[in-house]
Amino acid sequence: MSTADSPDIDLPDSTALAEAVRVAGLAIDPSELHGSLCGYLCGAGRCDGDDWIQRLTLEAERAPVPGDALDRLRLVTTAQLAAQDFGFELLMPAADAPLAERADALVGWCNGFLGGFGLAAPQAAELSDEATEALEDIGRIAASDLSYENSEADENALAEIVEFVRVAALLLHGDCVDGAHRQRQLH
């Protein structure tokens, strides 16, 4: 469901997003770009303007066009993080993609998240112990060297890690954005 102020709650199609990333001249995987955007939004709360890609990647040859996959990525991600229904999703390859591709995308997403969060860190509120631990855990995942030995167990482990990262991002968003908003209301 969408309104003029709120985009559809679904992230853009990964094929369309990969094409938009290519056209924009970015040397970044769509999952890593989404992680960067999420990290920035979790630290700063907003990422307005058409120069957001240049702020996050420093390499875009063109800004997103209103309504294109990159613009939709920003709008939907911002809405998902701000929503009270915890409907936030990580942009990952399709569930039928090979396990190694999905696991590598998660590592890339985490790397991107750390970079985006680092760019927003001066604007970020002081983190709770839980949020600090979540950020450290995302760092450990980003530094992981993955191997695959038991496909069923690896599938289950990947699903659990994706869910953990999703909740960790929401926790960090809550600490930095919602916590800063509550502090401003108290003063």
N, C-alpha and C. Protein backbone atom coordinates (compact mmCIF):
# COMPACT_ATOMS: atom_id res chain seq x y z
N MET A 1 0.84 -1.17 0.00
CA MET A 1 0.00 0.00 0.00
C MET A 1 0.89 1.24 0.00
N SER A 2 0.56 2.23 -0.80
CA SER A 2 1.36 3.44 -0.83
C SER A 2 0.46 4.65 -0.90
N THR A 3 1.03 5.76 -0.48
CA THR A 3 0.36 7.04 -0.59
C THR A 3 1.33 7.99 -1.26
N ALA A 4 0.94 9.20 -1.47
CA ALA A 4 1.84 10.18 -2.09
C ALA A 4 3.04 10.44 -1.20
N ASP A 5 2.86 10.34 0.13
CA ASP A 5 3.96 10.62 1.05
C ASP A 5 4.78 9.38 1.40
N SER A 6 4.24 8.20 1.18
CA SER A 6 4.91 6.99 1.59
C SER A 6 4.96 6.01 0.43
N PRO A 7 6.19 5.61 0.05
CA PRO A 7 6.31 4.68 -1.08
C PRO A 7 5.84 3.29 -0.69
N ASP A 8 5.69 2.43 -1.70
CA ASP A 8 5.41 1.03 -1.40
C ASP A 8 6.46 0.56 -0.40
N ILE A 9 6.09 -0.35 0.44
CA ILE A 9 6.99 -0.79 1.49
C ILE A 9 8.04 -1.79 0.99
N ASP A 10 7.93 -2.22 -0.25
CA ASP A 10 8.89 -3.18 -0.81
C ASP A 10 10.08 -2.47 -1.41
N LEU A 11 11.25 -3.07 -1.20
CA LEU A 11 12.47 -2.56 -1.82
C LEU A 11 12.39 -2.77 -3.32
N PRO A 12 13.17 -2.02 -4.08
CA PRO A 12 13.15 -2.20 -5.54
C PRO A 12 13.61 -3.61 -5.93
N ASP A 13 13.20 -4.03 -7.08
CA ASP A 13 13.63 -5.29 -7.66
C ASP A 13 15.16 -5.28 -7.78
N SER A 14 15.81 -6.37 -7.38
CA SER A 14 17.28 -6.40 -7.37
C SER A 14 17.88 -6.26 -8.77
N THR A 15 17.20 -6.76 -9.80
CA THR A 15 17.71 -6.61 -11.16
C THR A 15 17.67 -5.15 -11.59
N ALA A 16 16.56 -4.47 -11.31
CA ALA A 16 16.45 -3.05 -11.66
C ALA A 16 17.46 -2.23 -10.87
N LEU A 17 17.66 -2.58 -9.62
CA LEU A 17 18.62 -1.85 -8.80
C LEU A 17 20.05 -2.08 -9.29
N ALA A 18 20.38 -3.31 -9.66
CA ALA A 18 21.71 -3.59 -10.19
C ALA A 18 21.96 -2.78 -11.46
N GLU A 19 20.95 -2.66 -12.31
CA GLU A 19 21.08 -1.85 -13.52
C GLU A 19 21.24 -0.37 -13.18
N ALA A 20 20.50 0.13 -12.22
CA ALA A 20 20.61 1.53 -11.81
C ALA A 20 21.99 1.81 -11.22
N VAL A 21 22.53 0.87 -10.47
CA VAL A 21 23.87 1.00 -9.90
C VAL A 21 24.90 1.08 -11.03
N ARG A 22 24.73 0.21 -12.04
CA ARG A 22 25.65 0.22 -13.18
C ARG A 22 25.56 1.54 -13.95
N VAL A 23 24.35 2.00 -14.24
CA VAL A 23 24.15 3.25 -14.98
C VAL A 23 24.72 4.44 -14.22
N ALA A 24 24.62 4.41 -12.89
CA ALA A 24 25.14 5.50 -12.08
C ALA A 24 26.66 5.47 -11.99
N GLY A 25 27.27 4.43 -12.54
CA GLY A 25 28.73 4.34 -12.54
C GLY A 25 29.32 3.94 -11.20
N LEU A 26 28.56 3.19 -10.43
CA LEU A 26 29.03 2.78 -9.12
C LEU A 26 29.73 1.43 -9.18
N ALA A 27 30.82 1.33 -8.48
CA ALA A 27 31.54 0.05 -8.38
C ALA A 27 31.22 -0.56 -7.03
N ILE A 28 29.92 -0.78 -6.79
CA ILE A 28 29.47 -1.31 -5.51
C ILE A 28 28.32 -2.27 -5.77
N ASP A 29 28.27 -3.30 -4.98
CA ASP A 29 27.19 -4.27 -5.06
C ASP A 29 25.92 -3.62 -4.49
N PRO A 30 24.75 -3.92 -5.05
CA PRO A 30 23.51 -3.34 -4.51
C PRO A 30 23.31 -3.61 -3.02
N SER A 31 23.67 -4.78 -2.54
CA SER A 31 23.52 -5.07 -1.11
C SER A 31 24.43 -4.18 -0.27
N GLU A 32 25.65 -3.98 -0.74
CA GLU A 32 26.57 -3.11 0.00
C GLU A 32 26.10 -1.66 -0.02
N LEU A 33 25.55 -1.22 -1.16
CA LEU A 33 24.99 0.13 -1.23
C LEU A 33 23.84 0.28 -0.25
N HIS A 34 22.96 -0.73 -0.18
CA HIS A 34 21.85 -0.68 0.76
C HIS A 34 22.38 -0.65 2.19
N GLY A 35 23.40 -1.44 2.48
CA GLY A 35 24.00 -1.41 3.81
C GLY A 35 24.55 -0.04 4.15
N SER A 36 25.22 0.61 3.18
CA SER A 36 25.75 1.96 3.39
C SER A 36 24.63 2.94 3.70
N LEU A 37 23.58 2.87 2.91
CA LEU A 37 22.43 3.75 3.12
C LEU A 37 21.81 3.50 4.50
N CYS A 38 21.64 2.24 4.86
CA CYS A 38 21.06 1.90 6.16
C CYS A 38 21.94 2.39 7.30
N GLY A 39 23.24 2.18 7.19
CA GLY A 39 24.16 2.65 8.23
C GLY A 39 24.07 4.16 8.40
N TYR A 40 24.03 4.88 7.28
CA TYR A 40 23.93 6.33 7.34
C TYR A 40 22.61 6.75 7.99
N LEU A 41 21.53 6.13 7.55
CA LEU A 41 20.21 6.47 8.10
C LEU A 41 20.12 6.11 9.59
N CYS A 42 20.74 5.02 9.99
CA CYS A 42 20.71 4.63 11.41
C CYS A 42 21.51 5.61 12.26
N GLY A 43 22.54 6.20 11.71
CA GLY A 43 23.33 7.17 12.46
C GLY A 43 22.80 8.58 12.39
N ALA A 44 22.32 8.98 11.23
CA ALA A 44 21.91 10.37 11.02
C ALA A 44 20.40 10.56 11.04
N GLY A 45 19.66 9.51 10.73
CA GLY A 45 18.21 9.61 10.73
C GLY A 45 17.60 10.00 9.40
N ARG A 46 18.35 10.66 8.57
CA ARG A 46 17.82 11.06 7.27
C ARG A 46 18.96 11.18 6.27
N CYS A 47 18.60 11.08 5.03
CA CYS A 47 19.57 11.17 3.94
C CYS A 47 18.83 11.82 2.77
N ASP A 48 18.60 13.10 2.90
CA ASP A 48 17.81 13.83 1.92
C ASP A 48 18.69 14.35 0.79
N GLY A 49 18.04 14.79 -0.25
CA GLY A 49 18.74 15.40 -1.37
C GLY A 49 19.12 14.37 -2.41
N ASP A 50 19.43 14.87 -3.59
CA ASP A 50 19.78 13.96 -4.67
C ASP A 50 21.27 13.64 -4.70
N ASP A 51 22.02 14.13 -3.72
CA ASP A 51 23.46 13.83 -3.68
C ASP A 51 23.80 12.73 -2.67
N TRP A 52 22.80 12.00 -2.22
CA TRP A 52 23.05 11.00 -1.19
C TRP A 52 24.00 9.91 -1.65
N ILE A 53 23.93 9.55 -2.91
CA ILE A 53 24.85 8.50 -3.41
C ILE A 53 26.28 9.01 -3.40
N GLN A 54 26.48 10.26 -3.80
CA GLN A 54 27.83 10.81 -3.78
C GLN A 54 28.36 10.88 -2.35
N ARG A 55 27.50 11.20 -1.38
CA ARG A 55 27.93 11.23 0.02
C ARG A 55 28.35 9.85 0.50
N LEU A 56 27.66 8.82 0.05
CA LEU A 56 27.94 7.47 0.54
C LEU A 56 29.05 6.77 -0.22
N THR A 57 29.18 7.03 -1.52
CA THR A 57 30.13 6.27 -2.32
C THR A 57 31.26 7.11 -2.90
N LEU A 58 31.07 8.40 -2.99
CA LEU A 58 32.04 9.33 -3.55
C LEU A 58 32.39 9.05 -5.00
N GLU A 59 31.57 8.29 -5.71
CA GLU A 59 31.95 7.90 -7.06
C GLU A 59 30.84 7.95 -8.09
N ALA A 60 29.65 8.28 -7.72
CA ALA A 60 28.54 8.23 -8.66
C ALA A 60 28.74 9.24 -9.79
N GLU A 61 28.44 8.77 -11.00
CA GLU A 61 28.55 9.63 -12.18
C GLU A 61 27.29 10.46 -12.38
N ARG A 62 26.19 10.03 -11.77
CA ARG A 62 24.95 10.80 -11.87
C ARG A 62 24.12 10.57 -10.62
N ALA A 63 23.30 11.55 -10.31
CA ALA A 63 22.41 11.45 -9.16
C ALA A 63 21.20 10.59 -9.53
N PRO A 64 20.55 10.00 -8.54
CA PRO A 64 19.33 9.25 -8.83
C PRO A 64 18.27 10.15 -9.46
N VAL A 65 17.49 9.58 -10.32
CA VAL A 65 16.38 10.28 -10.95
C VAL A 65 15.14 9.99 -10.11
N PRO A 66 14.34 11.01 -9.81
CA PRO A 66 13.13 10.74 -9.01
C PRO A 66 12.32 9.58 -9.61
N GLY A 67 12.02 8.61 -8.74
CA GLY A 67 11.23 7.46 -9.15
C GLY A 67 12.04 6.28 -9.66
N ASP A 68 13.36 6.45 -9.90
CA ASP A 68 14.15 5.31 -10.37
C ASP A 68 14.46 4.38 -9.20
N ALA A 69 15.11 3.27 -9.49
CA ALA A 69 15.36 2.25 -8.47
C ALA A 69 16.22 2.79 -7.33
N LEU A 70 17.19 3.65 -7.62
CA LEU A 70 18.03 4.21 -6.56
C LEU A 70 17.23 5.15 -5.66
N ASP A 71 16.41 5.98 -6.27
CA ASP A 71 15.57 6.90 -5.50
C ASP A 71 14.59 6.10 -4.65
N ARG A 72 14.02 5.08 -5.23
CA ARG A 72 13.07 4.22 -4.51
C ARG A 72 13.77 3.51 -3.35
N LEU A 73 15.02 3.08 -3.55
CA LEU A 73 15.78 2.43 -2.49
C LEU A 73 15.87 3.36 -1.28
N ARG A 74 16.21 4.62 -1.51
CA ARG A 74 16.32 5.58 -0.40
C ARG A 74 14.97 5.81 0.27
N LEU A 75 13.95 6.03 -0.53
CA LEU A 75 12.62 6.32 0.04
C LEU A 75 12.07 5.15 0.84
N VAL A 76 12.15 3.95 0.28
CA VAL A 76 11.61 2.77 0.96
C VAL A 76 12.42 2.44 2.21
N THR A 77 13.74 2.53 2.11
CA THR A 77 14.58 2.21 3.26
C THR A 77 14.32 3.20 4.40
N THR A 78 14.21 4.47 4.07
CA THR A 78 13.90 5.48 5.09
C THR A 78 12.56 5.17 5.75
N ALA A 79 11.56 4.84 4.95
CA ALA A 79 10.23 4.53 5.48
C ALA A 79 10.25 3.27 6.33
N GLN A 80 10.96 2.23 5.88
CA GLN A 80 11.01 0.98 6.63
C GLN A 80 11.68 1.18 7.99
N LEU A 81 12.78 1.91 8.03
CA LEU A 81 13.47 2.13 9.30
C LEU A 81 12.62 2.95 10.27
N ALA A 82 11.85 3.88 9.75
CA ALA A 82 11.03 4.75 10.60
C ALA A 82 9.71 4.10 11.01
N ALA A 83 9.29 3.07 10.32
CA ALA A 83 7.99 2.43 10.60
C ALA A 83 8.01 1.75 11.96
N GLN A 84 6.88 1.73 12.58
CA GLN A 84 6.74 1.10 13.90
C GLN A 84 6.45 -0.40 13.80
N ASP A 85 6.30 -0.94 12.59
CA ASP A 85 5.92 -2.35 12.44
C ASP A 85 7.10 -3.30 12.27
N PHE A 86 8.32 -2.78 12.37
CA PHE A 86 9.53 -3.59 12.26
C PHE A 86 9.62 -4.31 10.92
N GLY A 87 9.07 -3.71 9.87
CA GLY A 87 9.06 -4.31 8.54
C GLY A 87 10.33 -4.08 7.75
N PHE A 88 11.36 -3.56 8.38
CA PHE A 88 12.63 -3.28 7.72
C PHE A 88 13.23 -4.58 7.17
N GLU A 89 13.75 -4.50 5.94
CA GLU A 89 14.37 -5.65 5.28
C GLU A 89 15.77 -5.29 4.80
N LEU A 90 16.66 -6.27 4.79
CA LEU A 90 17.96 -6.11 4.16
C LEU A 90 17.80 -6.44 2.69
N LEU A 91 18.45 -5.69 1.83
CA LEU A 91 18.43 -5.98 0.40
C LEU A 91 19.45 -7.09 0.15
N MET A 92 18.92 -8.25 -0.17
CA MET A 92 19.74 -9.43 -0.39
C MET A 92 19.33 -10.08 -1.70
N PRO A 93 20.21 -10.92 -2.27
CA PRO A 93 19.79 -11.68 -3.45
C PRO A 93 18.59 -12.56 -3.11
N ALA A 94 17.89 -12.98 -4.12
CA ALA A 94 16.70 -13.82 -3.95
C ALA A 94 17.03 -15.09 -3.18
N ALA A 95 16.04 -15.62 -2.51
CA ALA A 95 16.21 -16.83 -1.69
C ALA A 95 16.68 -18.02 -2.50
N ASP A 96 16.43 -18.02 -3.81
CA ASP A 96 16.87 -19.15 -4.63
C ASP A 96 18.27 -18.94 -5.22
N ALA A 97 18.91 -17.82 -4.89
CA ALA A 97 20.29 -17.58 -5.32
C ALA A 97 21.20 -18.53 -4.54
N PRO A 98 22.36 -18.85 -5.09
CA PRO A 98 23.28 -19.75 -4.36
C PRO A 98 23.62 -19.20 -2.97
N LEU A 99 23.80 -20.11 -2.03
CA LEU A 99 24.11 -19.76 -0.65
C LEU A 99 25.33 -18.84 -0.58
N ALA A 100 26.38 -19.16 -1.30
CA ALA A 100 27.60 -18.35 -1.27
C ALA A 100 27.32 -16.92 -1.72
N GLU A 101 26.49 -16.73 -2.73
CA GLU A 101 26.15 -15.40 -3.21
C GLU A 101 25.39 -14.61 -2.14
N ARG A 102 24.45 -15.25 -1.49
CA ARG A 102 23.68 -14.58 -0.44
C ARG A 102 24.54 -14.27 0.78
N ALA A 103 25.43 -15.19 1.14
CA ALA A 103 26.32 -14.96 2.29
C ALA A 103 27.30 -13.82 1.98
N ASP A 104 27.85 -13.81 0.77
CA ASP A 104 28.76 -12.72 0.38
C ASP A 104 28.02 -11.38 0.37
N ALA A 105 26.76 -11.40 -0.05
CA ALA A 105 25.97 -10.16 -0.05
C ALA A 105 25.76 -9.67 1.38
N LEU A 106 25.55 -10.59 2.33
CA LEU A 106 25.39 -10.19 3.72
C LEU A 106 26.68 -9.56 4.26
N VAL A 107 27.81 -10.15 3.95
CA VAL A 107 29.09 -9.58 4.38
C VAL A 107 29.26 -8.19 3.76
N GLY A 108 28.94 -8.05 2.48
CA GLY A 108 29.00 -6.74 1.82
C GLY A 108 28.05 -5.74 2.45
N TRP A 109 26.82 -6.20 2.77
CA TRP A 109 25.85 -5.32 3.41
C TRP A 109 26.41 -4.80 4.73
N CYS A 110 27.00 -5.69 5.52
CA CYS A 110 27.57 -5.30 6.81
C CYS A 110 28.74 -4.32 6.63
N ASN A 111 29.60 -4.57 5.65
CA ASN A 111 30.69 -3.63 5.36
C ASN A 111 30.13 -2.25 5.00
N GLY A 112 29.13 -2.24 4.14
CA GLY A 112 28.50 -0.99 3.76
C GLY A 112 27.88 -0.29 4.96
N PHE A 113 27.20 -1.06 5.81
CA PHE A 113 26.57 -0.49 6.99
C PHE A 113 27.60 0.22 7.86
N LEU A 114 28.72 -0.43 8.10
CA LEU A 114 29.76 0.18 8.94
C LEU A 114 30.27 1.48 8.34
N GLY A 115 30.47 1.50 7.02
CA GLY A 115 30.93 2.73 6.36
C GLY A 115 29.91 3.84 6.45
N GLY A 116 28.65 3.52 6.18
CA GLY A 116 27.60 4.54 6.26
C GLY A 116 27.40 5.04 7.67
N PHE A 117 27.43 4.13 8.64
CA PHE A 117 27.28 4.53 10.03
C PHE A 117 28.46 5.41 10.45
N GLY A 118 29.64 5.06 9.99
CA GLY A 118 30.82 5.87 10.30
C GLY A 118 30.73 7.28 9.74
N LEU A 119 30.15 7.42 8.56
CA LEU A 119 29.96 8.76 8.00
C LEU A 119 29.00 9.59 8.84
N ALA A 120 28.03 8.95 9.45
CA ALA A 120 27.02 9.65 10.24
C ALA A 120 27.41 9.75 11.71
N ALA A 121 28.46 9.06 12.13
CA ALA A 121 28.81 8.97 13.55
C ALA A 121 28.90 10.31 14.27
N PRO A 122 29.43 11.36 13.67
CA PRO A 122 29.47 12.62 14.41
C PRO A 122 28.08 13.12 14.79
N GLN A 123 27.07 12.70 14.03
CA GLN A 123 25.70 13.10 14.31
C GLN A 123 24.99 12.10 15.21
N ALA A 124 25.62 10.97 15.45
CA ALA A 124 24.96 9.90 16.19
C ALA A 124 24.97 10.17 17.70
N ALA A 125 23.91 9.74 18.35
CA ALA A 125 23.81 9.85 19.80
C ALA A 125 24.73 8.83 20.46
N GLU A 126 24.97 8.99 21.74
CA GLU A 126 25.74 8.00 22.47
C GLU A 126 24.99 6.67 22.45
N LEU A 127 25.70 5.59 22.19
CA LEU A 127 25.05 4.29 22.05
C LEU A 127 24.89 3.59 23.39
N SER A 128 23.80 2.86 23.52
CA SER A 128 23.60 2.01 24.68
C SER A 128 24.59 0.84 24.59
N ASP A 129 24.73 0.12 25.68
CA ASP A 129 25.61 -1.05 25.68
C ASP A 129 25.15 -2.07 24.64
N GLU A 130 23.83 -2.26 24.51
CA GLU A 130 23.28 -3.22 23.55
C GLU A 130 23.58 -2.79 22.12
N ALA A 131 23.43 -1.51 21.86
CA ALA A 131 23.70 -1.01 20.51
C ALA A 131 25.19 -1.08 20.18
N THR A 132 26.03 -0.80 21.15
CA THR A 132 27.48 -0.91 20.95
C THR A 132 27.85 -2.35 20.62
N GLU A 133 27.27 -3.28 21.35
CA GLU A 133 27.52 -4.70 21.09
C GLU A 133 27.00 -5.11 19.71
N ALA A 134 25.84 -4.61 19.34
CA ALA A 134 25.27 -4.92 18.01
C ALA A 134 26.18 -4.40 16.91
N LEU A 135 26.72 -3.19 17.08
CA LEU A 135 27.63 -2.62 16.08
C LEU A 135 28.91 -3.44 15.99
N GLU A 136 29.42 -3.87 17.12
CA GLU A 136 30.61 -4.73 17.13
C GLU A 136 30.33 -6.06 16.43
N ASP A 137 29.16 -6.62 16.66
CA ASP A 137 28.78 -7.88 16.01
C ASP A 137 28.67 -7.70 14.49
N ILE A 138 28.11 -6.59 14.05
CA ILE A 138 28.05 -6.32 12.60
C ILE A 138 29.47 -6.23 12.05
N GLY A 139 30.38 -5.64 12.81
CA GLY A 139 31.79 -5.58 12.40
C GLY A 139 32.41 -6.96 12.28
N ARG A 140 32.09 -7.84 13.20
CA ARG A 140 32.62 -9.22 13.13
C ARG A 140 32.07 -9.95 11.90
N ILE A 141 30.80 -9.73 11.61
CA ILE A 141 30.20 -10.36 10.42
C ILE A 141 30.86 -9.81 9.17
N ALA A 142 31.10 -8.50 9.14
CA ALA A 142 31.72 -7.87 7.98
C ALA A 142 33.13 -8.41 7.74
N ALA A 143 33.80 -8.81 8.80
CA ALA A 143 35.18 -9.31 8.68
C ALA A 143 35.23 -10.83 8.50
N SER A 144 34.08 -11.46 8.38
CA SER A 144 34.02 -12.92 8.29
C SER A 144 34.59 -13.45 6.99
N ASP A 145 35.23 -14.59 7.11
CA ASP A 145 35.68 -15.36 5.96
C ASP A 145 34.84 -16.63 5.99
N LEU A 146 33.86 -16.71 5.13
CA LEU A 146 32.85 -17.75 5.21
C LEU A 146 33.27 -19.02 4.47
N SER A 147 32.87 -20.14 5.02
CA SER A 147 33.04 -21.42 4.34
C SER A 147 31.72 -22.17 4.46
N TYR A 148 31.52 -23.12 3.56
CA TYR A 148 30.24 -23.82 3.50
C TYR A 148 30.51 -25.32 3.52
N GLU A 149 29.97 -25.99 4.54
CA GLU A 149 30.23 -27.41 4.69
C GLU A 149 28.94 -28.22 4.72
N ASN A 150 27.91 -27.70 5.32
CA ASN A 150 26.65 -28.42 5.46
C ASN A 150 25.55 -27.49 4.98
N SER A 151 25.05 -27.71 3.78
CA SER A 151 24.17 -26.72 3.17
C SER A 151 22.91 -26.44 3.99
N GLU A 152 22.29 -27.45 4.60
CA GLU A 152 21.08 -27.19 5.38
C GLU A 152 21.41 -26.38 6.63
N ALA A 153 22.46 -26.75 7.34
CA ALA A 153 22.86 -26.00 8.53
C ALA A 153 23.31 -24.60 8.14
N ASP A 154 24.02 -24.48 7.02
CA ASP A 154 24.49 -23.17 6.57
C ASP A 154 23.32 -22.28 6.18
N GLU A 155 22.30 -22.86 5.55
CA GLU A 155 21.08 -22.10 5.20
C GLU A 155 20.42 -21.55 6.46
N ASN A 156 20.28 -22.40 7.47
CA ASN A 156 19.67 -21.99 8.73
C ASN A 156 20.50 -20.92 9.43
N ALA A 157 21.81 -21.11 9.42
CA ALA A 157 22.70 -20.14 10.06
C ALA A 157 22.62 -18.79 9.35
N LEU A 158 22.60 -18.81 8.02
CA LEU A 158 22.51 -17.55 7.27
C LEU A 158 21.20 -16.84 7.59
N ALA A 159 20.10 -17.57 7.63
CA ALA A 159 18.80 -16.96 7.95
C ALA A 159 18.84 -16.32 9.34
N GLU A 160 19.45 -16.99 10.30
CA GLU A 160 19.55 -16.44 11.65
C GLU A 160 20.42 -15.19 11.69
N ILE A 161 21.51 -15.21 10.94
CA ILE A 161 22.41 -14.06 10.94
C ILE A 161 21.75 -12.86 10.25
N VAL A 162 21.05 -13.11 9.15
CA VAL A 162 20.32 -12.03 8.47
C VAL A 162 19.31 -11.40 9.43
N GLU A 163 18.59 -12.23 10.16
CA GLU A 163 17.61 -11.72 11.13
C GLU A 163 18.30 -10.94 12.24
N PHE A 164 19.43 -11.45 12.71
CA PHE A 164 20.18 -10.73 13.74
C PHE A 164 20.61 -9.35 13.24
N VAL A 165 21.15 -9.29 12.03
CA VAL A 165 21.62 -8.02 11.48
C VAL A 165 20.45 -7.06 11.30
N ARG A 166 19.33 -7.57 10.86
CA ARG A 166 18.14 -6.73 10.67
C ARG A 166 17.73 -6.11 12.00
N VAL A 167 17.68 -6.90 13.05
CA VAL A 167 17.29 -6.40 14.37
C VAL A 167 18.37 -5.46 14.93
N ALA A 168 19.63 -5.78 14.68
CA ALA A 168 20.72 -4.90 15.14
C ALA A 168 20.62 -3.52 14.49
N ALA A 169 20.30 -3.48 13.21
CA ALA A 169 20.14 -2.20 12.52
C ALA A 169 18.98 -1.41 13.13
N LEU A 170 17.89 -2.09 13.41
CA LEU A 170 16.75 -1.41 14.04
C LEU A 170 17.12 -0.89 15.44
N LEU A 171 17.90 -1.65 16.19
CA LEU A 171 18.35 -1.23 17.51
C LEU A 171 19.22 0.02 17.40
N LEU A 172 20.15 0.01 16.45
CA LEU A 172 21.02 1.17 16.27
C LEU A 172 20.22 2.40 15.82
N HIS A 173 19.26 2.18 14.94
CA HIS A 173 18.39 3.28 14.50
C HIS A 173 17.63 3.83 15.70
N GLY A 174 17.11 2.94 16.52
CA GLY A 174 16.38 3.37 17.70
C GLY A 174 17.24 4.16 18.66
N ASP A 175 18.46 3.71 18.90
CA ASP A 175 19.36 4.43 19.81
C ASP A 175 19.73 5.81 19.27
N CYS A 176 20.12 5.84 18.00
CA CYS A 176 20.66 7.09 17.44
C CYS A 176 19.56 8.08 17.03
N VAL A 177 18.55 7.60 16.38
CA VAL A 177 17.54 8.48 15.82
C VAL A 177 16.40 8.70 16.80
N ASP A 178 15.77 7.62 17.23
CA ASP A 178 14.65 7.75 18.15
C ASP A 178 15.12 8.27 19.51
N GLY A 179 16.28 7.80 19.98
CA GLY A 179 16.82 8.26 21.27
C GLY A 179 17.16 9.74 21.23
N ALA A 180 17.76 10.21 20.14
CA ALA A 180 18.09 11.63 20.00
C ALA A 180 16.81 12.47 19.94
N HIS A 181 15.78 11.94 19.27
CA HIS A 181 14.50 12.65 19.19
C HIS A 181 13.87 12.77 20.58
N ARG A 182 13.91 11.68 21.35
CA ARG A 182 13.34 11.72 22.70
C ARG A 182 14.10 12.69 23.58
N GLN A 183 15.43 12.75 23.45
CA GLN A 183 16.24 13.67 24.26
C GLN A 183 15.88 15.12 23.93
N ARG A 184 15.67 15.42 22.64
CA ARG A 184 15.30 16.78 22.26
C ARG A 184 13.94 17.15 22.83
N GLN A 185 13.03 16.19 22.92
CA GLN A 185 11.71 16.46 23.46
C GLN A 185 11.78 16.73 24.97
N LEU A 186 12.71 16.12 25.67
CA LEU A 186 12.84 16.32 27.11
C LEU A 186 13.43 17.68 27.45
N HIS A 187 14.18 18.26 26.55
CA HIS A 187 14.85 19.54 26.85
C HIS A 187 14.11 20.70 26.35
